[in-house]
Amino acid sequence: MESEHNHRNNTRTERLLKNARFHYQASIEEMSYTQDQNLDRNLLTRLSDCSFIDRNENIIITGCTETGKSFLATALGHQSCIKGHRVLYYNLGNSSRN
């Protein structure tokens, strides 16, 4: 019975990750906390429980080019899928690309 439960959870997580349409894989565990990125490890730990979703709160990620904003968004989205939430990844970067 436990095996069936685990299988269903894994299948659901895989489906959620596929449907999220992430451009690459990223996870909270892979985050680099360099001084250039100015990331607060405690804040990311709190965000990784995904309770902000249950409270209907949004996260806005800002910063200079090439500082890891997309990686951070993907990592939080990946964690949200693991927690059972539906995610859809959009990159609102340079919209003039063809």
PDB file of N, CA and C in Angstrom:
ATOM      1  N   MET A   1       0.825  -1.188   0.000  1.00  0.00           N
ATOM      2  CA  MET A   1       0.000   0.000   0.000  1.00  0.00           C
ATOM      3  C   MET A   1       0.876   1.260   0.000  1.00  0.00           C
ATOM      4  N   GLU A   2       1.939   1.237   0.792  1.00  0.00           N
ATOM      5  CA  GLU A   2       2.851   2.381   0.824  1.00  0.00           C
ATOM      6  C   GLU A   2       3.541   2.554  -0.530  1.00  0.00           C
ATOM      7  N   SER A   3       3.879   1.448  -1.166  1.00  0.00           N
ATOM      8  CA  SER A   3       4.506   1.481  -2.486  1.00  0.00           C
ATOM      9  C   SER A   3       3.584   2.133  -3.514  1.00  0.00           C
ATOM     10  N   GLU A   4       2.325   1.801  -3.470  1.00  0.00           N
ATOM     11  CA  GLU A   4       1.346   2.396  -4.391  1.00  0.00           C
ATOM     12  C   GLU A   4       1.212   3.894  -4.141  1.00  0.00           C
ATOM     13  N   HIS A   5       1.178   4.283  -2.879  1.00  0.00           N
ATOM     14  CA  HIS A   5       1.087   5.698  -2.515  1.00  0.00           C
ATOM     15  C   HIS A   5       2.309   6.464  -3.043  1.00  0.00           C
ATOM     16  N   ASN A   6       3.491   5.919  -2.841  1.00  0.00           N
ATOM     17  CA  ASN A   6       4.723   6.555  -3.328  1.00  0.00           C
ATOM     18  C   ASN A   6       4.724   6.659  -4.848  1.00  0.00           C
ATOM     19  N   HIS A   7       4.285   5.593  -5.500  1.00  0.00           N
ATOM     20  CA  HIS A   7       4.230   5.597  -6.967  1.00  0.00           C
ATOM     21  C   HIS A   7       3.292   6.695  -7.472  1.00  0.00           C
ATOM     22  N   ARG A   8       2.141   6.820  -6.858  1.00  0.00           N
ATOM     23  CA  ARG A   8       1.184   7.861  -7.274  1.00  0.00           C
ATOM     24  C   ARG A   8       1.745   9.262  -7.038  1.00  0.00           C
ATOM     25  N   ASN A   9       2.403   9.462  -5.894  1.00  0.00           N
ATOM     26  CA  ASN A   9       3.012  10.764  -5.614  1.00  0.00           C
ATOM     27  C   ASN A   9       4.102  11.091  -6.624  1.00  0.00           C
ATOM     28  N   ASN A  10       4.940  10.116  -6.929  1.00  0.00           N
ATOM     29  CA  ASN A  10       6.017  10.335  -7.897  1.00  0.00           C
ATOM     30  C   ASN A  10       5.466  10.629  -9.284  1.00  0.00           C
ATOM     31  N   THR A  11       4.436   9.906  -9.673  1.00  0.00           N
ATOM     32  CA  THR A  11       3.811  10.123 -10.977  1.00  0.00           C
ATOM     33  C   THR A  11       3.202  11.515 -11.053  1.00  0.00           C
ATOM     34  N   ARG A  12       2.545  11.928  -9.983  1.00  0.00           N
ATOM     35  CA  ARG A  12       1.928  13.257  -9.957  1.00  0.00           C
ATOM     36  C   ARG A  12       3.000  14.337 -10.024  1.00  0.00           C
ATOM     37  N   THR A  13       4.072  14.186  -9.267  1.00  0.00           N
ATOM     38  CA  THR A  13       5.151  15.172  -9.283  1.00  0.00           C
ATOM     39  C   THR A  13       5.769  15.256 -10.675  1.00  0.00           C
ATOM     40  N   GLU A  14       6.017  14.123 -11.302  1.00  0.00           N
ATOM     41  CA  GLU A  14       6.575  14.115 -12.659  1.00  0.00           C
ATOM     42  C   GLU A  14       5.646  14.835 -13.635  1.00  0.00           C
ATOM     43  N   ARG A  15       4.354  14.587 -13.517  1.00  0.00           N
ATOM     44  CA  ARG A  15       3.377  15.247 -14.393  1.00  0.00           C
ATOM     45  C   ARG A  15       3.369  16.760 -14.147  1.00  0.00           C
ATOM     46  N   LEU A  16       3.384  17.168 -12.878  1.00  0.00           N
ATOM     47  CA  LEU A  16       3.400  18.599 -12.556  1.00  0.00           C
ATOM     48  C   LEU A  16       4.649  19.274 -13.105  1.00  0.00           C
ATOM     49  N   LEU A  17       5.797  18.614 -12.974  1.00  0.00           N
ATOM     50  CA  LEU A  17       7.051  19.186 -13.483  1.00  0.00           C
ATOM     51  C   LEU A  17       7.025  19.300 -15.005  1.00  0.00           C
ATOM     52  N   LYS A  18       6.496  18.300 -15.670  1.00  0.00           N
ATOM     53  CA  LYS A  18       6.409  18.337 -17.129  1.00  0.00           C
ATOM     54  C   LYS A  18       5.477  19.455 -17.584  1.00  0.00           C
ATOM     55  N   ASN A  19       4.321  19.557 -16.954  1.00  0.00           N
ATOM     56  CA  ASN A  19       3.334  20.564 -17.335  1.00  0.00           C
ATOM     57  C   ASN A  19       3.765  21.984 -16.994  1.00  0.00           C
ATOM     58  N   ALA A  20       4.717  22.133 -16.072  1.00  0.00           N
ATOM     59  CA  ALA A  20       5.200  23.463 -15.692  1.00  0.00           C
ATOM     60  C   ALA A  20       5.994  24.114 -16.814  1.00  0.00           C
ATOM     61  N   ARG A  21       6.565  23.297 -17.698  1.00  0.00           N
ATOM     62  CA  ARG A  21       7.330  23.787 -18.854  1.00  0.00           C
ATOM     63  C   ARG A  21       8.552  24.606 -18.456  1.00  0.00           C
ATOM     64  N   PHE A  22       9.260  24.118 -17.454  1.00  0.00           N
ATOM     65  CA  PHE A  22      10.507  24.782 -17.074  1.00  0.00           C
ATOM     66  C   PHE A  22      11.502  24.668 -18.219  1.00  0.00           C
ATOM     67  N   HIS A  23      12.341  25.672 -18.390  1.00  0.00           N
ATOM     68  CA  HIS A  23      13.339  25.660 -19.457  1.00  0.00           C
ATOM     69  C   HIS A  23      14.543  24.814 -19.081  1.00  0.00           C
ATOM     70  N   TYR A  24      14.757  24.592 -17.801  1.00  0.00           N
ATOM     71  CA  TYR A  24      15.863  23.766 -17.314  1.00  0.00           C
ATOM     72  C   TYR A  24      15.529  23.312 -15.905  1.00  0.00           C
ATOM     73  N   GLN A  25      16.341  22.396 -15.385  1.00  0.00           N
ATOM     74  CA  GLN A  25      16.116  21.897 -14.034  1.00  0.00           C
ATOM     75  C   GLN A  25      16.871  22.760 -13.031  1.00  0.00           C
ATOM     76  N   ALA A  26      16.242  23.012 -11.913  1.00  0.00           N
ATOM     77  CA  ALA A  26      16.864  23.762 -10.826  1.00  0.00           C
ATOM     78  C   ALA A  26      16.191  23.355  -9.534  1.00  0.00           C
ATOM     79  N   SER A  27      16.927  23.412  -8.449  1.00  0.00           N
ATOM     80  CA  SER A  27      16.340  23.098  -7.148  1.00  0.00           C
ATOM     81  C   SER A  27      16.932  24.018  -6.092  1.00  0.00           C
ATOM     82  N   ILE A  28      16.206  24.150  -5.003  1.00  0.00           N
ATOM     83  CA  ILE A  28      16.654  24.984  -3.890  1.00  0.00           C
ATOM     84  C   ILE A  28      18.016  24.508  -3.388  1.00  0.00           C
ATOM     85  N   GLU A  29      18.219  23.193  -3.382  1.00  0.00           N
ATOM     86  CA  GLU A  29      19.483  22.632  -2.891  1.00  0.00           C
ATOM     87  C   GLU A  29      20.675  23.049  -3.755  1.00  0.00           C
ATOM     88  N   GLU A  30      20.424  23.385  -5.011  1.00  0.00           N
ATOM     89  CA  GLU A  30      21.487  23.790  -5.931  1.00  0.00           C
ATOM     90  C   GLU A  30      21.800  25.279  -5.874  1.00  0.00           C
ATOM     91  N   MET A  31      21.058  26.038  -5.086  1.00  0.00           N
ATOM     92  CA  MET A  31      21.252  27.476  -5.040  1.00  0.00           C
ATOM     93  C   MET A  31      22.649  27.822  -4.540  1.00  0.00           C
ATOM     94  N   SER A  32      23.223  28.826  -5.167  1.00  0.00           N
ATOM     95  CA  SER A  32      24.537  29.333  -4.778  1.00  0.00           C
ATOM     96  C   SER A  32      24.320  30.650  -4.043  1.00  0.00           C
ATOM     97  N   TYR A  33      24.827  30.739  -2.866  1.00  0.00           N
ATOM     98  CA  TYR A  33      24.609  31.934  -2.041  1.00  0.00           C
ATOM     99  C   TYR A  33      25.846  32.831  -2.074  1.00  0.00           C
ATOM    100  N   THR A  34      26.211  33.281  -3.277  1.00  0.00           N
ATOM    101  CA  THR A  34      27.378  34.150  -3.411  1.00  0.00           C
ATOM    102  C   THR A  34      26.998  35.577  -3.047  1.00  0.00           C
ATOM    103  N   GLN A  35      28.003  36.351  -2.749  1.00  0.00           N
ATOM    104  CA  GLN A  35      27.765  37.740  -2.358  1.00  0.00           C
ATOM    105  C   GLN A  35      27.183  38.538  -3.526  1.00  0.00           C
ATOM    106  N   ASP A  36      27.555  38.188  -4.758  1.00  0.00           N
ATOM    107  CA  ASP A  36      27.033  38.889  -5.935  1.00  0.00           C
ATOM    108  C   ASP A  36      25.522  38.768  -6.043  1.00  0.00           C
ATOM    109  N   GLN A  37      24.993  37.614  -5.649  1.00  0.00           N
ATOM    110  CA  GLN A  37      23.555  37.387  -5.769  1.00  0.00           C
ATOM    111  C   GLN A  37      22.770  37.987  -4.611  1.00  0.00           C
ATOM    112  N   ASN A  38      23.426  38.215  -3.499  1.00  0.00           N
ATOM    113  CA  ASN A  38      22.776  38.844  -2.351  1.00  0.00           C
ATOM    114  C   ASN A  38      21.500  38.095  -1.939  1.00  0.00           C
ATOM    115  N   LEU A  39      21.588  36.764  -1.882  1.00  0.00           N
ATOM    116  CA  LEU A  39      20.440  35.945  -1.487  1.00  0.00           C
ATOM    117  C   LEU A  39      20.472  35.658   0.010  1.00  0.00           C
ATOM    118  N   ASP A  40      19.326  35.718   0.621  1.00  0.00           N
ATOM    119  CA  ASP A  40      19.186  35.422   2.040  1.00  0.00           C
ATOM    120  C   ASP A  40      18.817  33.949   2.196  1.00  0.00           C
ATOM    121  N   ARG A  41      19.741  33.157   2.699  1.00  0.00           N
ATOM    122  CA  ARG A  41      19.517  31.717   2.844  1.00  0.00           C
ATOM    123  C   ARG A  41      18.298  31.425   3.715  1.00  0.00           C
ATOM    124  N   ASN A  42      18.110  32.185   4.786  1.00  0.00           N
ATOM    125  CA  ASN A  42      16.960  31.959   5.672  1.00  0.00           C
ATOM    126  C   ASN A  42      15.634  32.245   4.959  1.00  0.00           C
ATOM    127  N   LEU A  43      15.619  33.300   4.149  1.00  0.00           N
ATOM    128  CA  LEU A  43      14.406  33.629   3.405  1.00  0.00           C
ATOM    129  C   LEU A  43      14.078  32.519   2.410  1.00  0.00           C
ATOM    130  N   LEU A  44      15.082  32.031   1.696  1.00  0.00           N
ATOM    131  CA  LEU A  44      14.830  30.959   0.735  1.00  0.00           C
ATOM    132  C   LEU A  44      14.382  29.673   1.422  1.00  0.00           C
ATOM    133  N   THR A  45      14.908  29.420   2.594  1.00  0.00           N
ATOM    134  CA  THR A  45      14.476  28.247   3.356  1.00  0.00           C
ATOM    135  C   THR A  45      13.002  28.386   3.719  1.00  0.00           C
ATOM    136  N   ARG A  46      12.605  29.579   4.136  1.00  0.00           N
ATOM    137  CA  ARG A  46      11.194  29.806   4.476  1.00  0.00           C
ATOM    138  C   ARG A  46      10.305  29.706   3.233  1.00  0.00           C
ATOM    139  N   LEU A  47      10.765  30.254   2.108  1.00  0.00           N
ATOM    140  CA  LEU A  47       9.973  30.196   0.883  1.00  0.00           C
ATOM    141  C   LEU A  47       9.843  28.767   0.357  1.00  0.00           C
ATOM    142  N   SER A  48      10.828  27.937   0.631  1.00  0.00           N
ATOM    143  CA  SER A  48      10.831  26.575   0.090  1.00  0.00           C
ATOM    144  C   SER A  48       9.735  25.690   0.688  1.00  0.00           C
ATOM    145  N   ASP A  49       9.104  26.135   1.772  1.00  0.00           N
ATOM    146  CA  ASP A  49       7.984  25.345   2.296  1.00  0.00           C
ATOM    147  C   ASP A  49       6.693  25.630   1.523  1.00  0.00           C
ATOM    148  N   CYS A  50       6.738  26.629   0.640  1.00  0.00           N
ATOM    149  CA  CYS A  50       5.641  26.986  -0.270  1.00  0.00           C
ATOM    150  C   CYS A  50       4.383  27.449   0.448  1.00  0.00           C
ATOM    151  N   SER A  51       4.479  27.833   1.694  1.00  0.00           N
ATOM    152  CA  SER A  51       3.294  28.307   2.417  1.00  0.00           C
ATOM    153  C   SER A  51       2.792  29.638   1.861  1.00  0.00           C
ATOM    154  N   PHE A  52       3.651  30.373   1.148  1.00  0.00           N
ATOM    155  CA  PHE A  52       3.216  31.628   0.536  1.00  0.00           C
ATOM    156  C   PHE A  52       2.103  31.368  -0.484  1.00  0.00           C
ATOM    157  N   ILE A  53       2.112  30.182  -1.090  1.00  0.00           N
ATOM    158  CA  ILE A  53       1.069  29.818  -2.059  1.00  0.00           C
ATOM    159  C   ILE A  53      -0.270  29.645  -1.337  1.00  0.00           C
ATOM    160  N   ASP A  54      -0.237  28.952  -0.218  1.00  0.00           N
ATOM    161  CA  ASP A  54      -1.462  28.739   0.559  1.00  0.00           C
ATOM    162  C   ASP A  54      -2.040  30.043   1.081  1.00  0.00           C
ATOM    163  N   ARG A  55      -1.167  31.044   1.285  1.00  0.00           N
ATOM    164  CA  ARG A  55      -1.617  32.361   1.767  1.00  0.00           C
ATOM    165  C   ARG A  55      -1.948  33.310   0.613  1.00  0.00           C
ATOM    166  N   ASN A  56      -1.914  32.772  -0.631  1.00  0.00           N
ATOM    167  CA  ASN A  56      -2.198  33.573  -1.836  1.00  0.00           C
ATOM    168  C   ASN A  56      -1.276  34.776  -1.963  1.00  0.00           C
ATOM    169  N   GLU A  57      -0.013  34.598  -1.611  1.00  0.00           N
ATOM    170  CA  GLU A  57       0.980  35.663  -1.725  1.00  0.00           C
ATOM    171  C   GLU A  57       1.806  35.454  -2.991  1.00  0.00           C
ATOM    172  N   ASN A  58       2.304  36.542  -3.539  1.00  0.00           N
ATOM    173  CA  ASN A  58       3.138  36.508  -4.727  1.00  0.00           C
ATOM    174  C   ASN A  58       4.586  36.764  -4.346  1.00  0.00           C
ATOM    175  N   ILE A  59       5.476  36.352  -5.224  1.00  0.00           N
ATOM    176  CA  ILE A  59       6.899  36.638  -5.074  1.00  0.00           C
ATOM    177  C   ILE A  59       7.340  37.379  -6.320  1.00  0.00           C
ATOM    178  N   ILE A  60       8.002  38.495  -6.144  1.00  0.00           N
ATOM    179  CA  ILE A  60       8.566  39.245  -7.264  1.00  0.00           C
ATOM    180  C   ILE A  60      10.078  39.159  -7.135  1.00  0.00           C
ATOM    181  N   ILE A  61      10.717  38.679  -8.190  1.00  0.00           N
ATOM    182  CA  ILE A  61      12.166  38.502  -8.187  1.00  0.00           C
ATOM    183  C   ILE A  61      12.762  39.559  -9.114  1.00  0.00           C
ATOM    184  N   THR A  62      13.605  40.405  -8.566  1.00  0.00           N
ATOM    185  CA  THR A  62      14.237  41.453  -9.359  1.00  0.00           C
ATOM    186  C   THR A  62      15.750  41.361  -9.208  1.00  0.00           C
ATOM    187  N   GLY A  63      16.441  41.972 -10.124  1.00  0.00           N
ATOM    188  CA  GLY A  63      17.899  42.001 -10.044  1.00  0.00           C
ATOM    189  C   GLY A  63      18.514  42.264 -11.403  1.00  0.00           C
ATOM    190  N   CYS A  64      19.811  42.427 -11.407  1.00  0.00           N
ATOM    191  CA  CYS A  64      20.552  42.692 -12.640  1.00  0.00           C
ATOM    192  C   CYS A  64      20.584  41.458 -13.530  1.00  0.00           C
ATOM    193  N   THR A  65      20.953  41.660 -14.770  1.00  0.00           N
ATOM    194  CA  THR A  65      21.102  40.573 -15.729  1.00  0.00           C
ATOM    195  C   THR A  65      22.130  39.567 -15.243  1.00  0.00           C
ATOM    196  N   GLU A  66      21.830  38.278 -15.495  1.00  0.00           N
ATOM    197  CA  GLU A  66      22.759  37.184 -15.179  1.00  0.00           C
ATOM    198  C   GLU A  66      23.047  37.008 -13.686  1.00  0.00           C
ATOM    199  N   THR A  67      22.047  37.306 -12.841  1.00  0.00           N
ATOM    200  CA  THR A  67      22.244  37.113 -11.400  1.00  0.00           C
ATOM    201  C   THR A  67      21.491  35.908 -10.855  1.00  0.00           C
ATOM    202  N   GLY A  68      20.792  35.175 -11.744  1.00  0.00           N
ATOM    203  CA  GLY A  68      20.135  33.949 -11.308  1.00  0.00           C
ATOM    204  C   GLY A  68      18.661  34.061 -11.005  1.00  0.00           C
ATOM    205  N   LYS A  69      18.007  35.095 -11.519  1.00  0.00           N
ATOM    206  CA  LYS A  69      16.573  35.261 -11.256  1.00  0.00           C
ATOM    207  C   LYS A  69      15.757  34.094 -11.822  1.00  0.00           C
ATOM    208  N   SER A  70      16.039  33.701 -13.044  1.00  0.00           N
ATOM    209  CA  SER A  70      15.305  32.590 -13.665  1.00  0.00           C
ATOM    210  C   SER A  70      15.591  31.283 -12.943  1.00  0.00           C
ATOM    211  N   PHE A  71      16.835  31.085 -12.533  1.00  0.00           N
ATOM    212  CA  PHE A  71      17.184  29.876 -11.801  1.00  0.00           C
ATOM    213  C   PHE A  71      16.425  29.823 -10.480  1.00  0.00           C
ATOM    214  N   LEU A  72      16.369  30.957  -9.781  1.00  0.00           N
ATOM    215  CA  LEU A  72      15.643  31.025  -8.518  1.00  0.00           C
ATOM    216  C   LEU A  72      14.155  30.747  -8.723  1.00  0.00           C
ATOM    217  N   ALA A  73      13.562  31.353  -9.751  1.00  0.00           N
ATOM    218  CA  ALA A  73      12.146  31.134 -10.033  1.00  0.00           C
ATOM    219  C   ALA A  73      11.888  29.665 -10.365  1.00  0.00           C
ATOM    220  N   THR A  74      12.782  29.067 -11.145  1.00  0.00           N
ATOM    221  CA  THR A  74      12.634  27.659 -11.496  1.00  0.00           C
ATOM    222  C   THR A  74      12.774  26.778 -10.264  1.00  0.00           C
ATOM    223  N   ALA A  75      13.734  27.090  -9.403  1.00  0.00           N
ATOM    224  CA  ALA A  75      13.939  26.300  -8.186  1.00  0.00           C
ATOM    225  C   ALA A  75      12.707  26.366  -7.276  1.00  0.00           C
ATOM    226  N   LEU A  76      12.135  27.555  -7.123  1.00  0.00           N
ATOM    227  CA  LEU A  76      10.922  27.689  -6.304  1.00  0.00           C
ATOM    228  C   LEU A  76       9.739  26.982  -6.965  1.00  0.00           C
ATOM    229  N   GLY A  77       9.652  27.062  -8.290  1.00  0.00           N
ATOM    230  CA  GLY A  77       8.596  26.358  -9.001  1.00  0.00           C
ATOM    231  C   GLY A  77       8.731  24.848  -8.877  1.00  0.00           C
ATOM    232  N   HIS A  78       9.958  24.364  -8.971  1.00  0.00           N
ATOM    233  CA  HIS A  78      10.231  22.931  -8.818  1.00  0.00           C
ATOM    234  C   HIS A  78       9.807  22.468  -7.424  1.00  0.00           C
ATOM    235  N   GLN A  79      10.178  23.230  -6.422  1.00  0.00           N
ATOM    236  CA  GLN A  79       9.809  22.895  -5.047  1.00  0.00           C
ATOM    237  C   GLN A  79       8.291  22.902  -4.874  1.00  0.00           C
ATOM    238  N   SER A  80       7.628  23.841  -5.525  1.00  0.00           N
ATOM    239  CA  SER A  80       6.167  23.910  -5.458  1.00  0.00           C
ATOM    240  C   SER A  80       5.527  22.674  -6.074  1.00  0.00           C
ATOM    241  N   CYS A  81       6.089  22.191  -7.178  1.00  0.00           N
ATOM    242  CA  CYS A  81       5.582  20.957  -7.802  1.00  0.00           C
ATOM    243  C   CYS A  81       5.746  19.776  -6.851  1.00  0.00           C
ATOM    244  N   ILE A  82       6.895  19.696  -6.200  1.00  0.00           N
ATOM    245  CA  ILE A  82       7.130  18.622  -5.241  1.00  0.00           C
ATOM    246  C   ILE A  82       6.095  18.659  -4.120  1.00  0.00           C
ATOM    247  N   LYS A  83       5.700  19.880  -3.726  1.00  0.00           N
ATOM    248  CA  LYS A  83       4.695  20.044  -2.671  1.00  0.00           C
ATOM    249  C   LYS A  83       3.272  19.841  -3.191  1.00  0.00           C
ATOM    250  N   GLY A  84       3.121  19.564  -4.500  1.00  0.00           N
ATOM    251  CA  GLY A  84       1.804  19.255  -5.051  1.00  0.00           C
ATOM    252  C   GLY A  84       1.075  20.416  -5.694  1.00  0.00           C
ATOM    253  N   HIS A  85       1.744  21.542  -5.891  1.00  0.00           N
ATOM    254  CA  HIS A  85       1.106  22.707  -6.506  1.00  0.00           C
ATOM    255  C   HIS A  85       1.345  22.709  -8.011  1.00  0.00           C
ATOM    256  N   ARG A  86       0.357  23.182  -8.756  1.00  0.00           N
ATOM    257  CA  ARG A  86       0.522  23.351 -10.195  1.00  0.00           C
ATOM    258  C   ARG A  86       1.290  24.629 -10.472  1.00  0.00           C
ATOM    259  N   VAL A  87       2.211  24.553 -11.421  1.00  0.00           N
ATOM    260  CA  VAL A  87       3.075  25.679 -11.768  1.00  0.00           C
ATOM    261  C   VAL A  87       3.118  25.799 -13.285  1.00  0.00           C
ATOM    262  N   LEU A  88       3.196  27.015 -13.794  1.00  0.00           N
ATOM    263  CA  LEU A  88       3.437  27.235 -15.213  1.00  0.00           C
ATOM    264  C   LEU A  88       4.513  28.304 -15.328  1.00  0.00           C
ATOM    265  N   TYR A  89       5.622  27.938 -15.957  1.00  0.00           N
ATOM    266  CA  TYR A  89       6.776  28.826 -16.062  1.00  0.00           C
ATOM    267  C   TYR A  89       6.639  29.704 -17.295  1.00  0.00           C
ATOM    268  N   TYR A  90       6.730  31.017 -17.098  1.00  0.00           N
ATOM    269  CA  TYR A  90       6.763  31.995 -18.176  1.00  0.00           C
ATOM    270  C   TYR A  90       8.027  32.814 -18.017  1.00  0.00           C
ATOM    271  N   ASN A  91       8.710  33.047 -19.117  1.00  0.00           N
ATOM    272  CA  ASN A  91       9.861  33.949 -19.101  1.00  0.00           C
ATOM    273  C   ASN A  91       9.416  35.218 -19.799  1.00  0.00           C
ATOM    274  N   LEU A  92       9.387  36.298 -19.060  1.00  0.00           N
ATOM    275  CA  LEU A  92       8.924  37.569 -19.612  1.00  0.00           C
ATOM    276  C   LEU A  92      10.091  38.443 -20.051  1.00  0.00           C
ATOM    277  N   GLY A  93      11.218  37.827 -20.282  1.00  0.00           N
ATOM    278  CA  GLY A  93      12.410  38.555 -20.733  1.00  0.00           C
ATOM    279  C   GLY A  93      12.169  39.207 -22.059  1.00  0.00           C
ATOM    280  N   ASN A  94      13.170  39.269 -22.870  1.00  0.00           N
ATOM    281  CA  ASN A  94      13.134  39.953 -24.145  1.00  0.00           C
ATOM    282  C   ASN A  94      12.012  39.402 -25.020  1.00  0.00           C
ATOM    283  N   SER A  95      10.884  40.079 -25.041  1.00  0.00           N
ATOM    284  CA  SER A  95       9.710  39.596 -25.766  1.00  0.00           C
ATOM    285  C   SER A  95       9.798  39.893 -27.262  1.00  0.00           C
ATOM    286  N   SER A  96      10.828  40.603 -27.710  1.00  0.00           N
ATOM    287  CA  SER A  96      10.955  40.914 -29.134  1.00  0.00           C
ATOM    288  C   SER A  96      11.688  39.833 -29.900  1.00  0.00           C
ATOM    289  N   ARG A  97      12.128  38.772 -29.211  1.00  0.00           N
ATOM    290  CA  ARG A  97      12.813  37.666 -29.889  1.00  0.00           C
ATOM    291  C   ARG A  97      11.835  36.910 -30.778  1.00  0.00           C
ATOM    292  N   ASN A  98      12.319  36.420 -31.890  1.00  0.00           N
ATOM    293  CA  ASN A  98      11.478  35.630 -32.800  1.00  0.00           C
ATOM    294  C   ASN A  98      11.761  34.180 -32.647  1.00  0.00           C
TER     295      ASN A  98
END
